[in-house]
Amino acid sequence: MEMLIKHSWHYSQKPELVWEFLTTSELIAQWLMANDFKPIVGHKFMFRASAHKPLDFDGNIYCEVLELIPNAKLSYSWKYGPGNGVLKVDSVVSWTLYAKDGGTEVQLEHKGLKEPANLMDYQAMNAGWQTNVLKMQNLISAKQNDEKAKH
């Protein structure tokens, strides 16, 4: 059985600003993880974090950009495991942005996690996405406030 992580948030900022934080490597590193992301379909990249042995996670997440519609949709593969080429998670993360109420509706879908093998991963990532997206929201608000203060 497949488990699905699905969340939705409303940001007061325009989709273009939210998109910047989803597709700029340096900004992604501020709210998620160190990475070598480039917004190009087919680009293979990695997220790097601390290893976590209880989850059989060596700290590397192998990704490839699957879909990119500027200011609207971003999807990438999300694969990891204990190392040595062994992958225990093979999933897909998708971000969808909609202009709504003067801001942006941000939808996250992380699919492909298998039960029961990925149950602990599912629980950790479900909580992690919520925490990290809140970090992104705070960074976006700070950037918007900085830009307003300059004008």
Protein backbone atom coordinates (compact mmCIF):
# COMPACT_ATOMS: atom_id res chain seq x y z
CA MET A 1 0.00 0.00 0.00
CA GLU A 2 1.26 3.47 -0.87
CA MET A 3 1.28 6.31 1.64
CA LEU A 4 0.85 9.92 0.51
CA ILE A 5 2.05 13.09 2.20
CA LYS A 6 -0.16 15.96 1.12
CA HIS A 7 -0.28 19.46 2.58
CA SER A 8 -1.53 22.87 1.54
CA TRP A 9 -0.57 26.31 2.84
CA HIS A 10 -1.58 29.85 1.96
CA TYR A 11 1.15 32.46 1.59
CA SER A 12 0.37 36.16 1.38
CA GLN A 13 3.14 36.59 -1.22
CA LYS A 14 2.82 36.26 -5.00
CA PRO A 15 3.70 32.94 -6.69
CA GLU A 16 6.89 34.43 -8.21
CA LEU A 17 8.42 35.01 -4.77
CA VAL A 18 7.42 31.57 -3.47
CA TRP A 19 8.79 30.03 -6.68
CA GLU A 20 12.16 31.68 -6.04
CA PHE A 21 12.45 29.80 -2.74
CA LEU A 22 11.53 26.50 -4.41
CA THR A 23 13.97 26.82 -7.32
CA THR A 24 17.06 28.74 -6.16
CA SER A 25 19.68 26.44 -4.68
CA GLU A 26 20.97 28.96 -2.11
CA LEU A 27 17.43 29.74 -0.89
CA ILE A 28 16.44 26.05 -0.74
CA ALA A 29 19.50 25.44 1.45
CA GLN A 30 18.19 28.01 3.94
CA TRP A 31 14.92 26.18 4.60
CA LEU A 32 15.52 22.57 3.56
CA MET A 33 19.03 21.19 2.92
CA ALA A 34 22.31 21.82 1.17
CA ASN A 35 21.87 20.95 -2.51
CA ASP A 36 23.06 21.41 -6.08
CA PHE A 37 19.59 22.00 -7.56
CA LYS A 38 19.12 23.69 -10.93
CA PRO A 39 15.66 24.44 -12.35
CA ILE A 40 16.15 22.35 -15.51
CA VAL A 41 14.07 19.29 -16.40
CA GLY A 42 16.36 16.26 -16.36
CA HIS A 43 18.91 17.86 -14.01
CA LYS A 44 20.15 15.32 -11.46
CA PHE A 45 20.93 16.80 -8.07
CA MET A 46 21.37 15.87 -4.44
CA PHE A 47 20.15 17.07 -1.10
CA ARG A 48 22.69 16.51 1.67
CA ALA A 49 21.86 16.07 5.35
CA SER A 50 23.21 14.27 8.38
CA ALA A 51 23.08 10.50 8.24
CA HIS A 52 20.37 8.90 10.36
CA LYS A 53 21.11 5.23 10.96
CA PRO A 54 17.69 4.30 12.52
CA LEU A 55 16.07 5.25 9.18
CA ASP A 56 18.79 3.56 7.07
CA PHE A 57 19.65 6.99 5.69
CA ASP A 58 23.24 7.85 4.71
CA GLY A 59 22.49 11.59 4.41
CA ASN A 60 22.23 11.75 0.60
CA ILE A 61 18.96 12.21 -1.27
CA TYR A 62 19.26 11.56 -5.00
CA CYS A 63 16.90 13.62 -7.13
CA GLU A 64 16.07 14.50 -10.71
CA VAL A 65 13.87 17.37 -11.90
CA LEU A 66 10.87 15.71 -13.58
CA GLU A 67 8.58 18.66 -14.31
CA LEU A 68 8.97 22.41 -14.25
CA ILE A 69 6.31 24.97 -15.12
CA PRO A 70 7.60 28.39 -13.96
CA ASN A 71 5.68 29.84 -11.02
CA ALA A 72 3.23 26.92 -11.12
CA LYS A 73 4.65 23.38 -10.75
CA LEU A 74 7.86 21.63 -9.78
CA SER A 75 8.33 17.86 -9.41
CA TYR A 76 11.45 15.87 -8.63
CA SER A 77 12.34 12.33 -7.70
CA TRP A 78 13.42 11.74 -4.09
CA LYS A 79 15.50 8.60 -3.47
CA TYR A 80 17.68 7.50 -0.60
CA GLY A 81 18.96 4.59 1.39
CA PRO A 82 21.71 3.34 3.67
CA GLY A 83 24.47 3.88 1.12
CA ASN A 84 26.54 1.77 -1.27
CA GLY A 85 24.00 2.28 -4.04
CA VAL A 86 21.14 0.69 -2.05
CA LEU A 87 17.92 2.73 -2.17
CA LYS A 88 15.06 2.01 0.19
CA VAL A 89 12.93 5.05 -0.69
CA ASP A 90 11.98 5.83 -4.29
CA SER A 91 9.42 8.62 -4.28
CA VAL A 92 8.37 11.87 -5.98
CA VAL A 93 7.91 15.35 -4.49
CA SER A 94 5.60 17.79 -6.30
CA TRP A 95 4.98 21.45 -5.56
CA THR A 96 2.00 23.22 -7.14
CA LEU A 97 1.41 26.98 -6.81
CA TYR A 98 -1.88 28.77 -7.46
CA ALA A 99 -2.47 32.51 -7.25
CA LYS A 100 -5.26 32.89 -4.68
CA ASP A 101 -6.67 35.74 -2.57
CA GLY A 102 -3.81 38.09 -3.49
CA GLY A 103 -1.22 35.48 -2.47
CA THR A 104 -0.31 31.90 -3.24
CA GLU A 105 -1.82 28.53 -2.44
CA VAL A 106 1.13 26.15 -2.05
CA GLN A 107 0.44 22.44 -2.36
CA LEU A 108 2.97 19.73 -1.55
CA GLU A 109 2.53 16.12 -2.52
CA HIS A 110 5.12 13.49 -1.66
CA LYS A 111 4.13 10.11 -3.08
CA GLY A 112 5.63 6.70 -3.61
CA LEU A 113 6.28 5.76 0.01
CA LYS A 114 5.42 2.11 0.57
CA GLU A 115 3.81 0.67 3.66
CA PRO A 116 5.06 -0.94 5.86
CA ALA A 117 8.67 -0.60 4.61
CA ASN A 118 8.66 3.20 4.59
CA LEU A 119 6.35 3.85 7.57
CA MET A 120 9.05 5.44 9.77
CA ASP A 121 10.27 7.49 6.78
CA TYR A 122 6.71 8.64 6.11
CA GLN A 123 6.23 9.77 9.71
CA ALA A 124 9.57 11.59 9.80
CA MET A 125 9.08 13.28 6.41
CA ASN A 126 5.46 14.24 7.08
CA ALA A 127 6.54 16.16 10.19
CA GLY A 128 9.71 17.41 8.50
CA TRP A 129 7.90 18.91 5.51
CA GLN A 130 5.58 20.85 7.81
CA THR A 131 8.50 22.21 9.86
CA ASN A 132 10.61 23.08 6.81
CA VAL A 133 7.80 24.73 4.86
CA LEU A 134 7.15 26.94 7.90
CA LYS A 135 10.86 27.92 7.77
CA MET A 136 10.42 28.76 4.07
CA GLN A 137 7.33 30.83 4.83
CA ASN A 138 9.22 32.81 7.50
CA LEU A 139 12.15 33.42 5.12
CA ILE A 140 9.80 34.60 2.36
CA SER A 141 8.06 37.00 4.76
CA ALA A 142 11.43 38.35 5.94
CA LYS A 143 12.58 38.90 2.35
CA GLN A 144 9.33 40.66 1.47
CA ASN A 145 9.65 42.90 4.54
CA ASP A 146 13.29 43.71 3.65
CA GLU A 147 12.25 44.67 0.12
CA LYS A 148 9.43 46.89 1.44
CA ALA A 149 11.84 48.59 3.84
CA LYS A 150 14.20 49.44 0.95
CA HIS A 151 11.48 51.28 -0.96
